[in-house]
Amino acid sequence: MEYFNLETVVNPFAKEKTQSDLIRAEKEYQDTNTVPILKLDKDLKLIDSPGNYQLGKKLGLKIMKGFRHRIYGDSPTFPLRLNIETTTVCNSKCRICSRTKKRRPDVHLSFKDFKHIIDQTQNHYLIELYLYRLGEPFLNPELRQMLNYLNGFDNFEYIWISSNGLELNNEHIEMLLNSNVTIFNMSINGVDQKSFRSVNEVGLLENVEKNFINAIELKKRKGKRLPFMRAQMISQGNKNDDEKFLNKWADKADIINVGMIEFGSSIEFNYNKALNQRSLAENVSIKICSKPGRYSFYLYNDGSVVPCMCDYNADFLNIGNWRNQSIEDIFNSEKYKSFLNIHFLGNKEKINFCSNCIDNYF
């Protein structure tokens, strides 16, 4: 679950409504000894229960748990999420990343191909557009053109871009701040150099942190609300480090996420940690996978389209090729419908790749 900076969260409710709801929130806190969570819209405005927010302020909290509400709708005819692999070139070497087993070539997506994909979305409203996958987006020399082109589109609830921060510079940050990117995710993955090095074999944590803080401060100097600055660390199962990470970024980032291991099924470095996280998770169903219901398409540089990020080489779940098929046709194909039906009926064991997956509840 994400944590939200209370200085970033907006409370649109009247003072009287907030104060009256605070009574309910305080009673809930006294009964459960648990701080209630926030329910936010895409602009990080409270949707309801302003007393929860007010309680957090009263307790002197800097951040609170919460979730961003999304509207999925019924029977979509187009992906609700597109993950465009803007590059497979990377300047990092993370043990938790599926790049460790990637066999596809390291190439940049061209602006021409990017435009071809984006133009197909113009009559559809998408919950999320991700501009990264198995590479560092800012290494693509045509990224500026891509971001500029997106400025002409308003049909995405969220536009994400993520960086490892190793070489994030002022030019990259200016490019970001002049775009309509909604969330800038920084993959930090450590609270000190030792924990950082346990995950990432290259670079210095202090440089990553310095570059991210520079982005945060430049955004503030320009008086911009967007993009929301999101600090992310994939938990390695050390609760003390998780807590340190939250505290370190509590008064800096807009959103903080201590995420759970993914790709546990297929990367040895993650496997035991993922099993441990599974055992600690509440209300986990091993029969139903949550991913298909997100209606996500991962568009790889070689043209492959897969409905799940765990198939990082498109060896098992390839449902089409965006280079010679329309995204809408792939979405409405029998191949994709069959994949969805098998999962929605709780029969994931009928798909060999999915049968032993331990990532199905993330």
Protein backbone atom coordinates (compact mmCIF):
# COMPACT_ATOMS: atom_id res chain seq x y z
CA MET A 1 0.00 0.00 0.00
CA GLU A 2 1.13 3.53 -0.72
CA TYR A 3 1.75 6.27 1.84
CA PHE A 4 0.80 9.85 1.06
CA ASN A 5 2.40 13.07 2.23
CA LEU A 6 -0.25 14.99 4.17
CA GLU A 7 1.14 18.25 2.81
CA THR A 8 0.34 17.01 -0.71
CA VAL A 9 -3.12 15.59 0.03
CA VAL A 10 -5.97 18.05 -0.54
CA ASN A 11 -9.00 18.13 1.74
CA PRO A 12 -11.91 19.62 -0.26
CA PHE A 13 -14.44 19.13 2.54
CA ALA A 14 -15.83 21.98 4.62
CA LYS A 15 -14.43 22.50 8.10
CA GLU A 16 -17.72 21.46 9.71
CA LYS A 17 -17.82 18.17 7.77
CA THR A 18 -14.17 17.46 8.60
CA GLN A 19 -14.61 18.12 12.30
CA SER A 20 -17.78 16.03 12.60
CA ASP A 21 -16.13 13.09 10.80
CA LEU A 22 -13.09 13.42 13.05
CA ILE A 23 -15.22 12.14 15.94
CA ARG A 24 -15.84 8.89 14.04
CA ALA A 25 -12.17 8.57 13.06
CA GLU A 26 -11.00 9.09 16.66
CA LYS A 27 -13.37 6.41 17.95
CA GLU A 28 -12.16 3.99 15.26
CA TYR A 29 -8.58 4.73 16.25
CA GLN A 30 -9.33 4.15 19.94
CA ASP A 31 -11.15 0.88 19.24
CA THR A 32 -8.55 -0.60 16.88
CA ASN A 33 -5.35 1.27 17.76
CA THR A 34 -4.90 1.58 14.00
CA VAL A 35 -4.77 4.81 12.05
CA PRO A 36 -7.49 4.69 9.34
CA ILE A 37 -6.49 5.01 5.70
CA LEU A 38 -7.08 7.71 3.11
CA LYS A 39 -9.20 7.31 -0.01
CA LEU A 40 -8.01 9.65 -2.75
CA ASP A 41 -8.81 10.56 -6.34
CA LYS A 42 -6.24 10.89 -9.11
CA ASP A 43 -5.37 14.42 -7.99
CA LEU A 44 -4.74 13.19 -4.43
CA LYS A 45 -7.88 14.89 -3.15
CA LEU A 46 -9.89 13.15 -0.45
CA ILE A 47 -12.94 11.36 -1.78
CA ASP A 48 -14.56 10.79 1.61
CA SER A 49 -13.80 10.38 5.35
CA PRO A 50 -11.99 13.69 5.88
CA GLY A 51 -11.82 12.81 9.59
CA ASN A 52 -9.14 10.24 8.79
CA TYR A 53 -6.96 12.97 7.32
CA GLN A 54 -7.69 15.32 10.20
CA LEU A 55 -6.80 12.60 12.71
CA GLY A 56 -3.45 12.11 11.01
CA LYS A 57 -2.74 15.83 11.26
CA LYS A 58 -3.80 15.83 14.90
CA LEU A 59 -1.45 12.92 15.65
CA GLY A 60 1.41 14.80 14.05
CA LEU A 61 1.85 12.32 11.20
CA LYS A 62 3.69 13.33 8.05
CA ILE A 63 2.40 10.46 5.91
CA MET A 64 -0.61 8.15 5.99
CA LYS A 65 -1.54 4.91 4.26
CA GLY A 66 -4.10 5.20 1.53
CA PHE A 67 -5.15 4.20 -1.95
CA ARG A 68 -5.91 5.99 -5.19
CA HIS A 69 -9.41 5.16 -6.31
CA ARG A 70 -9.77 4.04 -9.92
CA ILE A 71 -12.91 3.56 -11.98
CA TYR A 72 -12.63 0.39 -14.03
CA GLY A 73 -15.99 0.30 -15.78
CA ASP A 74 -17.62 -2.77 -17.31
CA SER A 75 -16.55 -4.83 -20.31
CA PRO A 76 -13.76 -2.64 -21.70
CA THR A 77 -13.02 -2.88 -25.42
CA PHE A 78 -9.48 -1.57 -25.10
CA PRO A 79 -6.71 -2.07 -22.52
CA LEU A 80 -7.18 -0.05 -19.35
CA ARG A 81 -3.42 0.02 -18.91
CA LEU A 82 -0.66 0.22 -21.49
CA ASN A 83 2.94 -0.38 -20.55
CA ILE A 84 5.14 0.83 -23.40
CA GLU A 85 8.72 -0.35 -23.35
CA THR A 86 10.39 2.91 -24.37
CA THR A 87 13.79 1.23 -24.10
CA THR A 88 15.43 -1.99 -23.00
CA VAL A 89 18.75 -0.22 -22.49
CA CYS A 90 19.70 0.20 -18.83
CA ASN A 91 22.59 1.64 -16.84
CA SER A 92 21.77 -0.34 -13.72
CA LYS A 93 22.09 -3.96 -12.66
CA CYS A 94 19.43 -4.91 -10.14
CA ARG A 95 19.23 -8.48 -8.90
CA ILE A 96 15.47 -8.22 -8.39
CA CYS A 97 14.79 -7.16 -11.98
CA SER A 98 13.68 -9.47 -14.75
CA ARG A 99 16.45 -7.98 -16.90
CA THR A 100 18.64 -10.62 -15.25
CA LYS A 101 16.93 -13.18 -17.49
CA LYS A 102 15.95 -11.00 -20.44
CA ARG A 103 17.00 -12.43 -23.81
CA ARG A 104 15.49 -9.71 -25.98
CA PRO A 105 17.97 -7.19 -27.48
CA ASP A 106 18.78 -3.84 -25.88
CA VAL A 107 17.18 -1.25 -28.16
CA HIS A 108 15.35 2.07 -27.93
CA LEU A 109 11.78 2.44 -29.12
CA SER A 110 11.62 4.98 -31.94
CA PHE A 111 9.40 8.05 -31.75
CA LYS A 112 7.67 6.84 -34.93
CA ASP A 113 6.68 3.56 -33.26
CA PHE A 114 5.68 5.37 -30.07
CA LYS A 115 3.40 7.69 -32.06
CA HIS A 116 1.89 4.67 -33.83
CA ILE A 117 0.93 3.19 -30.44
CA ILE A 118 -0.32 6.39 -28.82
CA ASP A 119 -2.46 7.37 -31.80
CA GLN A 120 -4.47 4.18 -31.29
CA THR A 121 -5.55 5.35 -27.83
CA GLN A 122 -7.15 8.63 -28.89
CA ASN A 123 -10.73 7.33 -28.73
CA HIS A 124 -10.22 5.48 -25.46
CA TYR A 125 -9.79 6.52 -21.83
CA LEU A 126 -7.03 4.61 -20.06
CA ILE A 127 -6.43 4.36 -16.35
CA GLU A 128 -2.67 4.24 -16.71
CA LEU A 129 0.03 4.69 -19.31
CA TYR A 130 3.49 3.50 -18.27
CA LEU A 131 6.51 4.73 -20.22
CA TYR A 132 8.98 2.17 -18.93
CA ARG A 133 9.55 -1.52 -18.59
CA LEU A 134 12.99 -3.18 -18.70
CA GLY A 135 15.19 -0.15 -19.19
CA GLU A 136 16.00 3.39 -18.11
CA PRO A 137 13.63 5.70 -20.07
CA PHE A 138 15.89 8.76 -19.87
CA LEU A 139 18.51 6.93 -21.92
CA ASN A 140 16.23 7.02 -24.97
CA PRO A 141 17.36 10.02 -27.07
CA GLU A 142 13.82 10.48 -28.42
CA LEU A 143 12.09 10.55 -25.03
CA ARG A 144 11.65 14.34 -25.21
CA GLN A 145 9.69 13.98 -28.46
CA MET A 146 7.54 11.29 -26.87
CA LEU A 147 6.72 13.43 -23.85
CA ASN A 148 6.02 16.47 -26.02
CA TYR A 149 3.66 14.42 -28.17
CA LEU A 150 1.77 13.21 -25.10
CA ASN A 151 1.07 16.82 -24.14
CA GLY A 152 -1.60 16.77 -26.82
CA PHE A 153 -3.50 13.92 -25.16
CA ASP A 154 -5.84 14.09 -22.15
CA ASN A 155 -7.24 10.56 -22.20
CA PHE A 156 -4.96 9.06 -19.56
CA GLU A 157 -5.88 9.12 -15.88
CA TYR A 158 -2.25 8.57 -14.94
CA ILE A 159 0.94 8.79 -16.96
CA TRP A 160 3.90 7.15 -15.24
CA ILE A 161 7.60 7.30 -15.83
CA SER A 162 10.19 5.63 -13.62
CA SER A 163 13.93 6.02 -13.21
CA ASN A 164 16.74 4.38 -11.28
CA GLY A 165 18.11 7.89 -10.75
CA LEU A 166 21.74 6.99 -11.36
CA GLU A 167 22.22 9.61 -14.08
CA LEU A 168 19.14 11.78 -13.57
CA ASN A 169 20.20 15.34 -14.41
CA ASN A 170 18.66 18.80 -14.75
CA GLU A 171 17.94 18.28 -18.43
CA HIS A 172 15.94 15.14 -17.63
CA ILE A 173 14.11 16.89 -14.81
CA GLU A 174 13.20 19.90 -16.98
CA MET A 175 11.92 17.50 -19.62
CA LEU A 176 9.78 15.82 -16.98
CA LEU A 177 8.43 19.04 -15.49
CA ASN A 178 7.40 20.33 -18.94
CA SER A 179 5.38 17.18 -19.65
CA ASN A 180 1.95 15.96 -18.56
CA VAL A 181 3.45 13.02 -16.67
CA THR A 182 1.37 12.46 -13.55
CA ILE A 183 3.66 10.30 -11.44
CA PHE A 184 7.46 10.21 -11.45
CA ASN A 185 8.56 7.02 -9.73
CA MET A 186 12.09 6.78 -8.38
CA SER A 187 13.29 3.22 -7.75
CA ILE A 188 15.62 3.72 -4.81
CA ASN A 189 15.72 0.25 -3.24
CA GLY A 190 17.82 0.95 -0.18
CA VAL A 191 18.19 2.98 2.99
CA ASP A 192 21.99 2.85 3.09
CA GLN A 193 24.75 1.79 0.72
CA LYS A 194 24.83 -1.74 2.17
CA SER A 195 21.12 -2.41 1.56
CA PHE A 196 21.31 -0.65 -1.81
CA ARG A 197 24.24 -2.81 -2.90
CA SER A 198 22.41 -5.99 -1.85
CA VAL A 199 19.94 -5.23 -4.65
CA ASN A 200 21.88 -3.12 -7.13
CA GLU A 201 25.38 -4.03 -8.23
CA VAL A 202 26.28 -0.58 -9.56
CA GLY A 203 26.11 3.04 -8.44
CA LEU A 204 25.93 4.89 -5.16
CA LEU A 205 22.75 5.38 -3.17
CA GLU A 206 23.82 8.89 -2.17
CA ASN A 207 23.87 9.94 -5.84
CA VAL A 208 20.41 8.49 -6.47
CA GLU A 209 19.01 10.27 -3.42
CA LYS A 210 20.73 13.55 -4.34
CA ASN A 211 19.32 13.43 -7.87
CA PHE A 212 15.81 12.70 -6.63
CA ILE A 213 15.92 15.49 -4.05
CA ASN A 214 17.12 17.82 -6.81
CA ALA A 215 14.04 16.88 -8.86
CA ILE A 216 11.75 17.48 -5.87
CA GLU A 217 13.30 20.87 -5.12
CA LEU A 218 13.26 22.03 -8.74
CA LYS A 219 9.58 21.12 -8.97
CA LYS A 220 8.88 23.18 -5.83
CA ARG A 221 10.83 26.17 -7.15
CA LYS A 222 8.73 26.11 -10.31
CA GLY A 223 5.54 25.99 -8.23
CA LYS A 224 4.26 22.84 -9.93
CA ARG A 225 1.96 20.29 -8.34
CA LEU A 226 2.66 17.61 -10.95
CA PRO A 227 4.19 15.21 -11.43
CA PHE A 228 3.75 13.62 -8.03
CA MET A 229 7.15 12.50 -6.80
CA ARG A 230 7.01 8.84 -5.73
CA ALA A 231 9.81 7.18 -3.76
CA GLN A 232 9.79 3.40 -4.11
CA MET A 233 11.71 0.63 -2.42
CA ILE A 234 11.09 -3.06 -3.00
CA SER A 235 11.13 -4.59 0.47
CA GLN A 236 13.72 -7.27 1.13
CA GLY A 237 11.84 -8.44 4.21
CA ASN A 238 13.66 -6.21 6.70
CA LYS A 239 10.97 -4.33 8.62
CA ASN A 240 13.50 -1.93 10.15
CA ASP A 241 14.71 -0.91 6.69
CA ASP A 242 11.12 -0.52 5.51
CA GLU A 243 10.40 1.83 8.40
CA LYS A 244 13.62 3.77 7.85
CA PHE A 245 12.71 4.26 4.20
CA LEU A 246 9.28 5.64 5.08
CA ASN A 247 10.77 8.03 7.62
CA LYS A 248 13.57 9.14 5.28
CA TRP A 249 11.18 10.26 2.54
CA ALA A 250 8.17 11.27 4.66
CA ASP A 251 8.77 15.02 4.34
CA LYS A 252 10.20 14.91 0.82
CA ALA A 253 8.21 12.71 -1.57
CA ASP A 254 4.51 13.09 -2.38
CA ILE A 255 3.97 9.33 -2.42
CA ILE A 256 6.05 6.61 -0.79
CA ASN A 257 5.77 2.94 -1.59
CA VAL A 258 7.47 0.01 0.09
CA GLY A 259 6.51 -2.59 -2.47
CA MET A 260 6.43 -6.35 -2.37
CA ILE A 261 8.71 -8.60 -4.39
CA GLU A 262 7.44 -9.45 -7.85
CA PHE A 263 8.81 -11.93 -10.38
CA GLY A 264 9.28 -14.31 -7.45
CA SER A 265 8.26 -17.21 -9.64
CA SER A 266 11.03 -16.79 -12.14
CA ILE A 267 14.02 -15.08 -10.53
CA GLU A 268 15.95 -17.06 -7.98
CA PHE A 269 17.08 -13.98 -6.03
CA ASN A 270 13.43 -13.12 -5.30
CA TYR A 271 11.89 -16.54 -4.77
CA ASN A 272 12.31 -17.15 -1.02
CA LYS A 273 11.58 -13.50 -0.22
CA ALA A 274 8.38 -13.69 -2.25
CA LEU A 275 7.33 -16.85 -0.44
CA ASN A 276 7.92 -15.13 2.88
CA GLN A 277 5.90 -12.09 1.81
CA ARG A 278 3.10 -14.38 0.67
CA SER A 279 2.98 -16.02 4.10
CA LEU A 280 2.77 -12.62 5.78
CA ALA A 281 0.07 -11.24 3.47
CA GLU A 282 -3.50 -11.26 4.63
CA ASN A 283 -6.45 -12.74 2.73
CA VAL A 284 -4.28 -14.13 -0.04
CA SER A 285 -5.95 -16.30 -2.64
CA ILE A 286 -3.63 -18.61 -4.52
CA LYS A 287 -6.34 -19.58 -6.99
CA ILE A 288 -7.33 -16.19 -8.34
CA CYS A 289 -4.79 -13.85 -9.92
CA SER A 290 -5.50 -10.14 -9.64
CA LYS A 291 -3.50 -9.15 -12.72
CA PRO A 292 -5.88 -10.15 -15.56
CA GLY A 293 -8.68 -7.98 -14.14
CA ARG A 294 -6.49 -4.93 -14.63
CA TYR A 295 -6.73 -5.36 -18.41
CA SER A 296 -3.06 -4.50 -18.88
CA PHE A 297 -1.06 -4.81 -22.09
CA TYR A 298 2.74 -4.88 -22.07
CA LEU A 299 4.08 -3.77 -25.44
CA TYR A 300 7.63 -4.93 -26.00
CA ASN A 301 10.10 -3.45 -28.44
CA ASP A 302 10.10 -6.54 -30.63
CA GLY A 303 6.34 -6.18 -31.17
CA SER A 304 5.23 -8.79 -28.66
CA VAL A 305 2.16 -8.11 -26.54
CA VAL A 306 1.65 -9.93 -23.24
CA PRO A 307 -1.08 -9.44 -20.61
CA CYS A 308 1.27 -10.04 -17.66
CA MET A 309 4.64 -8.50 -16.84
CA CYS A 310 5.93 -11.78 -15.42
CA ASP A 311 6.35 -13.06 -18.99
CA TYR A 312 9.25 -10.68 -19.65
CA ASN A 313 10.52 -12.54 -22.73
CA ALA A 314 7.04 -13.15 -24.20
CA ASP A 315 7.76 -16.88 -24.20
CA PHE A 316 4.43 -18.06 -22.82
CA LEU A 317 1.62 -15.50 -22.97
CA ASN A 318 2.24 -13.72 -26.27
CA ILE A 319 -1.20 -12.73 -27.59
CA GLY A 320 -0.24 -10.66 -30.63
CA ASN A 321 2.14 -8.23 -32.30
CA TRP A 322 1.48 -4.51 -32.14
CA ARG A 323 3.70 -3.90 -35.17
CA ASN A 324 1.31 -5.64 -37.56
CA GLN A 325 -1.97 -5.75 -35.59
CA SER A 326 -4.03 -3.02 -34.00
CA ILE A 327 -4.13 -2.94 -30.20
CA GLU A 328 -7.92 -3.07 -30.33
CA ASP A 329 -7.87 -6.21 -32.49
CA ILE A 330 -5.46 -7.92 -30.11
CA PHE A 331 -7.63 -6.94 -27.15
CA ASN A 332 -10.71 -8.43 -28.78
CA SER A 333 -8.95 -11.54 -30.08
CA GLU A 334 -9.96 -15.05 -29.09
CA LYS A 335 -6.47 -15.59 -27.73
CA TYR A 336 -6.82 -12.82 -25.17
CA LYS A 337 -10.44 -13.65 -24.37
CA SER A 338 -9.42 -17.24 -23.65
CA PHE A 339 -6.68 -16.04 -21.28
CA LEU A 340 -9.16 -13.85 -19.40
CA ASN A 341 -11.86 -16.52 -19.18
CA ILE A 342 -9.48 -19.12 -17.77
CA HIS A 343 -8.39 -16.71 -15.03
CA PHE A 344 -11.83 -15.29 -14.28
CA LEU A 345 -13.14 -18.84 -13.75
CA GLY A 346 -10.34 -19.52 -11.27
CA ASN A 347 -8.60 -22.04 -13.53
CA LYS A 348 -5.13 -20.52 -13.75
CA GLU A 349 -3.60 -23.98 -13.32
CA LYS A 350 -4.73 -24.69 -16.90
CA ILE A 351 -2.07 -22.24 -18.12
CA ASN A 352 1.34 -23.79 -17.51
CA PHE A 353 3.08 -20.46 -17.01
CA CYS A 354 0.49 -19.31 -14.47
CA SER A 355 -0.04 -22.59 -12.62
CA ASN A 356 2.86 -22.25 -10.18
CA CYS A 357 3.12 -18.47 -10.13
CA ILE A 358 3.52 -16.90 -6.70
CA ASP A 359 3.05 -13.33 -7.93
CA ASN A 360 -0.70 -13.61 -8.39
CA TYR A 361 -1.80 -11.38 -5.52
CA PHE A 362 0.38 -8.33 -6.12
